[in-house]
Amino acid sequence: MKARHRKTLEAMFRKPTNGGIVFAEIESLVIALGGEVREGSGSRVAFELNDRRRYLHRPHPGKDAKKYQVEEVREWFIELEVKP
């Protein structure tokens, strides 16, 4: 895992929840962990890692993930035992 992915992972686990994480960085982190990112209809995105999926919508009009999205991915990572 590259340093930028490690920084993204650490930022996702920081409390209070950081709402300034770029959504594309979360996508890149999932890929770096060996997962896949699949496009759905509209702004829907499917993250798949270790045979488990999580669905989110890309934020718009901005590029930063919303706090609830960061929290949702963090909970998913905890379930998958992915920690910084």
N, C-alpha and C. Protein backbone atom coordinates (compact mmCIF):
# COMPACT_ATOMS: atom_id res chain seq x y z
N MET A 1 0.85 -1.17 0.00
CA MET A 1 0.00 0.00 0.00
C MET A 1 0.89 1.24 0.00
N LYS A 2 0.59 2.14 -0.89
CA LYS A 2 1.36 3.37 -0.99
C LYS A 2 1.04 4.31 0.17
N ALA A 3 1.91 5.27 0.37
CA ALA A 3 1.75 6.22 1.48
C ALA A 3 0.44 7.01 1.36
N ARG A 4 0.04 7.36 0.15
CA ARG A 4 -1.19 8.15 0.00
C ARG A 4 -2.42 7.32 0.36
N HIS A 5 -2.37 6.00 0.09
CA HIS A 5 -3.48 5.13 0.48
C HIS A 5 -3.53 4.99 2.00
N ARG A 6 -2.36 4.88 2.61
CA ARG A 6 -2.28 4.78 4.07
C ARG A 6 -2.84 6.05 4.72
N LYS A 7 -2.52 7.20 4.15
CA LYS A 7 -3.03 8.47 4.67
C LYS A 7 -4.55 8.55 4.54
N THR A 8 -5.07 8.07 3.43
CA THR A 8 -6.53 8.05 3.24
C THR A 8 -7.19 7.14 4.26
N LEU A 9 -6.62 5.96 4.48
CA LEU A 9 -7.16 5.02 5.45
C LEU A 9 -7.13 5.62 6.86
N GLU A 10 -6.03 6.24 7.21
CA GLU A 10 -5.93 6.88 8.53
C GLU A 10 -6.95 8.00 8.68
N ALA A 11 -7.14 8.79 7.63
CA ALA A 11 -8.12 9.88 7.67
C ALA A 11 -9.53 9.34 7.84
N MET A 12 -9.82 8.20 7.24
CA MET A 12 -11.16 7.61 7.34
C MET A 12 -11.47 7.14 8.76
N PHE A 13 -10.45 6.76 9.51
CA PHE A 13 -10.66 6.27 10.86
C PHE A 13 -10.54 7.36 11.92
N ARG A 14 -10.20 8.57 11.51
CA ARG A 14 -10.07 9.68 12.44
C ARG A 14 -11.44 10.12 12.94
N LYS A 15 -11.52 10.47 14.21
CA LYS A 15 -12.76 10.97 14.77
C LYS A 15 -12.49 12.33 15.38
N PRO A 16 -13.36 13.31 15.21
CA PRO A 16 -14.64 13.23 14.52
C PRO A 16 -14.44 12.98 13.03
N THR A 17 -15.46 12.44 12.41
CA THR A 17 -15.39 12.02 11.01
C THR A 17 -15.04 13.20 10.11
N ASN A 18 -14.08 12.95 9.25
CA ASN A 18 -13.61 13.95 8.30
C ASN A 18 -14.49 13.92 7.05
N GLY A 19 -15.08 15.05 6.72
CA GLY A 19 -15.91 15.13 5.53
C GLY A 19 -15.15 15.66 4.33
N GLY A 20 -13.85 15.81 4.43
CA GLY A 20 -13.06 16.39 3.35
C GLY A 20 -12.23 15.39 2.58
N ILE A 21 -12.59 14.11 2.62
CA ILE A 21 -11.84 13.08 1.89
C ILE A 21 -12.41 13.00 0.47
N VAL A 22 -11.54 13.07 -0.50
CA VAL A 22 -11.95 13.02 -1.90
C VAL A 22 -12.45 11.60 -2.20
N PHE A 23 -13.64 11.50 -2.78
CA PHE A 23 -14.27 10.22 -3.05
C PHE A 23 -13.38 9.33 -3.92
N ALA A 24 -12.70 9.93 -4.89
CA ALA A 24 -11.81 9.17 -5.77
C ALA A 24 -10.66 8.53 -4.99
N GLU A 25 -10.24 9.14 -3.89
CA GLU A 25 -9.19 8.57 -3.05
C GLU A 25 -9.69 7.32 -2.34
N ILE A 26 -10.96 7.31 -1.96
CA ILE A 26 -11.57 6.11 -1.35
C ILE A 26 -11.62 5.00 -2.39
N GLU A 27 -12.01 5.34 -3.61
CA GLU A 27 -12.03 4.35 -4.69
C GLU A 27 -10.64 3.77 -4.92
N SER A 28 -9.65 4.63 -4.95
CA SER A 28 -8.27 4.20 -5.17
C SER A 28 -7.79 3.30 -4.03
N LEU A 29 -8.19 3.60 -2.80
CA LEU A 29 -7.83 2.79 -1.65
C LEU A 29 -8.42 1.38 -1.75
N VAL A 30 -9.67 1.29 -2.14
CA VAL A 30 -10.32 -0.02 -2.29
C VAL A 30 -9.56 -0.85 -3.34
N ILE A 31 -9.18 -0.24 -4.42
CA ILE A 31 -8.43 -0.94 -5.47
C ILE A 31 -7.06 -1.37 -4.95
N ALA A 32 -6.40 -0.49 -4.19
CA ALA A 32 -5.08 -0.81 -3.63
C ALA A 32 -5.15 -1.98 -2.64
N LEU A 33 -6.30 -2.14 -1.99
CA LEU A 33 -6.49 -3.25 -1.05
C LEU A 33 -6.85 -4.56 -1.77
N GLY A 34 -6.93 -4.50 -3.10
CA GLY A 34 -7.23 -5.69 -3.88
C GLY A 34 -8.69 -5.82 -4.28
N GLY A 35 -9.43 -4.76 -4.08
CA GLY A 35 -10.85 -4.77 -4.41
C GLY A 35 -11.13 -4.23 -5.80
N GLU A 36 -12.42 -4.11 -6.09
CA GLU A 36 -12.86 -3.58 -7.37
C GLU A 36 -13.88 -2.47 -7.14
N VAL A 37 -13.93 -1.57 -8.10
CA VAL A 37 -14.92 -0.50 -8.10
C VAL A 37 -15.68 -0.63 -9.41
N ARG A 38 -16.99 -0.78 -9.31
CA ARG A 38 -17.82 -0.95 -10.51
C ARG A 38 -18.83 0.17 -10.59
N GLU A 39 -19.00 0.66 -11.81
CA GLU A 39 -19.96 1.72 -12.07
C GLU A 39 -21.36 1.15 -12.13
N GLY A 40 -22.30 1.81 -11.52
CA GLY A 40 -23.69 1.43 -11.60
C GLY A 40 -24.44 2.46 -12.43
N SER A 41 -25.73 2.47 -12.30
CA SER A 41 -26.51 3.46 -13.03
C SER A 41 -26.45 4.80 -12.31
N GLY A 42 -26.42 5.85 -13.09
CA GLY A 42 -26.32 7.19 -12.52
C GLY A 42 -25.01 7.38 -11.78
N SER A 43 -25.09 7.82 -10.53
CA SER A 43 -23.88 8.05 -9.75
C SER A 43 -23.58 6.90 -8.81
N ARG A 44 -24.28 5.79 -8.95
CA ARG A 44 -24.10 4.64 -8.07
C ARG A 44 -22.79 3.92 -8.37
N VAL A 45 -22.09 3.54 -7.30
CA VAL A 45 -20.81 2.85 -7.41
C VAL A 45 -20.85 1.65 -6.47
N ALA A 46 -20.36 0.51 -6.95
CA ALA A 46 -20.27 -0.70 -6.11
C ALA A 46 -18.80 -0.94 -5.78
N PHE A 47 -18.51 -1.03 -4.49
CA PHE A 47 -17.19 -1.41 -4.02
C PHE A 47 -17.24 -2.89 -3.66
N GLU A 48 -16.28 -3.66 -4.13
CA GLU A 48 -16.23 -5.08 -3.79
C GLU A 48 -14.85 -5.42 -3.26
N LEU A 49 -14.82 -6.04 -2.09
CA LEU A 49 -13.57 -6.42 -1.45
C LEU A 49 -13.83 -7.67 -0.62
N ASN A 50 -13.01 -8.69 -0.81
CA ASN A 50 -13.15 -9.96 -0.08
C ASN A 50 -14.56 -10.53 -0.19
N ASP A 51 -15.10 -10.52 -1.38
CA ASP A 51 -16.44 -11.08 -1.68
C ASP A 51 -17.58 -10.37 -0.96
N ARG A 52 -17.35 -9.14 -0.53
CA ARG A 52 -18.41 -8.34 0.09
C ARG A 52 -18.54 -7.04 -0.67
N ARG A 53 -19.78 -6.59 -0.79
CA ARG A 53 -20.03 -5.35 -1.55
C ARG A 53 -20.61 -4.27 -0.66
N ARG A 54 -20.33 -3.04 -1.09
CA ARG A 54 -20.93 -1.86 -0.46
C ARG A 54 -21.27 -0.91 -1.59
N TYR A 55 -22.48 -0.39 -1.57
CA TYR A 55 -22.95 0.51 -2.61
C TYR A 55 -23.03 1.93 -2.06
N LEU A 56 -22.52 2.86 -2.85
CA LEU A 56 -22.58 4.29 -2.51
C LEU A 56 -22.91 5.07 -3.78
N HIS A 57 -23.25 6.33 -3.58
CA HIS A 57 -23.43 7.23 -4.71
C HIS A 57 -22.31 8.25 -4.68
N ARG A 58 -21.76 8.50 -5.85
CA ARG A 58 -20.72 9.54 -5.94
C ARG A 58 -21.33 10.87 -5.52
N PRO A 59 -20.59 11.61 -4.72
CA PRO A 59 -21.11 12.92 -4.32
C PRO A 59 -21.16 13.87 -5.51
N HIS A 60 -22.18 14.67 -5.54
CA HIS A 60 -22.25 15.70 -6.57
C HIS A 60 -23.03 16.86 -5.99
N PRO A 61 -22.70 18.04 -6.28
CA PRO A 61 -21.80 18.47 -7.34
C PRO A 61 -20.33 18.45 -6.94
N GLY A 62 -19.99 18.28 -5.68
CA GLY A 62 -18.59 18.31 -5.25
C GLY A 62 -17.88 16.99 -5.46
N LYS A 63 -16.62 16.94 -5.03
CA LYS A 63 -15.83 15.73 -5.17
C LYS A 63 -15.53 15.06 -3.83
N ASP A 64 -15.82 15.76 -2.72
CA ASP A 64 -15.54 15.22 -1.39
C ASP A 64 -16.66 14.31 -0.93
N ALA A 65 -16.26 13.19 -0.31
CA ALA A 65 -17.23 12.26 0.25
C ALA A 65 -17.93 12.93 1.44
N LYS A 66 -19.19 12.66 1.58
CA LYS A 66 -19.96 13.16 2.72
C LYS A 66 -19.55 12.37 3.96
N LYS A 67 -19.78 12.97 5.13
CA LYS A 67 -19.40 12.30 6.38
C LYS A 67 -20.06 10.94 6.51
N TYR A 68 -21.34 10.83 6.15
CA TYR A 68 -22.02 9.55 6.30
C TYR A 68 -21.42 8.49 5.37
N GLN A 69 -20.87 8.91 4.23
CA GLN A 69 -20.24 7.96 3.32
C GLN A 69 -18.92 7.45 3.91
N VAL A 70 -18.16 8.36 4.49
CA VAL A 70 -16.90 7.97 5.13
C VAL A 70 -17.19 7.00 6.27
N GLU A 71 -18.23 7.30 7.07
CA GLU A 71 -18.59 6.42 8.19
C GLU A 71 -19.05 5.06 7.70
N GLU A 72 -19.79 5.03 6.60
CA GLU A 72 -20.27 3.77 6.05
C GLU A 72 -19.12 2.90 5.55
N VAL A 73 -18.17 3.50 4.86
CA VAL A 73 -17.01 2.74 4.37
C VAL A 73 -16.15 2.31 5.55
N ARG A 74 -16.01 3.16 6.56
CA ARG A 74 -15.24 2.80 7.75
C ARG A 74 -15.84 1.57 8.43
N GLU A 75 -17.16 1.54 8.59
CA GLU A 75 -17.83 0.38 9.20
C GLU A 75 -17.62 -0.87 8.35
N TRP A 76 -17.67 -0.71 7.03
CA TRP A 76 -17.43 -1.82 6.12
C TRP A 76 -16.00 -2.34 6.28
N PHE A 77 -15.03 -1.43 6.39
CA PHE A 77 -13.64 -1.83 6.59
C PHE A 77 -13.46 -2.56 7.92
N ILE A 78 -14.15 -2.10 8.95
CA ILE A 78 -14.08 -2.78 10.25
C ILE A 78 -14.61 -4.21 10.13
N GLU A 79 -15.72 -4.38 9.41
CA GLU A 79 -16.27 -5.73 9.18
C GLU A 79 -15.27 -6.60 8.44
N LEU A 80 -14.53 -6.01 7.52
CA LEU A 80 -13.54 -6.73 6.73
C LEU A 80 -12.18 -6.84 7.44
N GLU A 81 -12.09 -6.27 8.63
CA GLU A 81 -10.87 -6.25 9.42
C GLU A 81 -9.72 -5.50 8.73
N VAL A 82 -10.09 -4.42 8.05
CA VAL A 82 -9.11 -3.52 7.43
C VAL A 82 -8.99 -2.32 8.37
N LYS A 83 -7.81 -2.15 8.92
CA LYS A 83 -7.57 -1.06 9.87
C LYS A 83 -6.24 -0.40 9.56
N PRO A 84 -6.11 0.87 9.94
CA PRO A 84 -4.84 1.56 9.68
C PRO A 84 -3.70 1.01 10.54
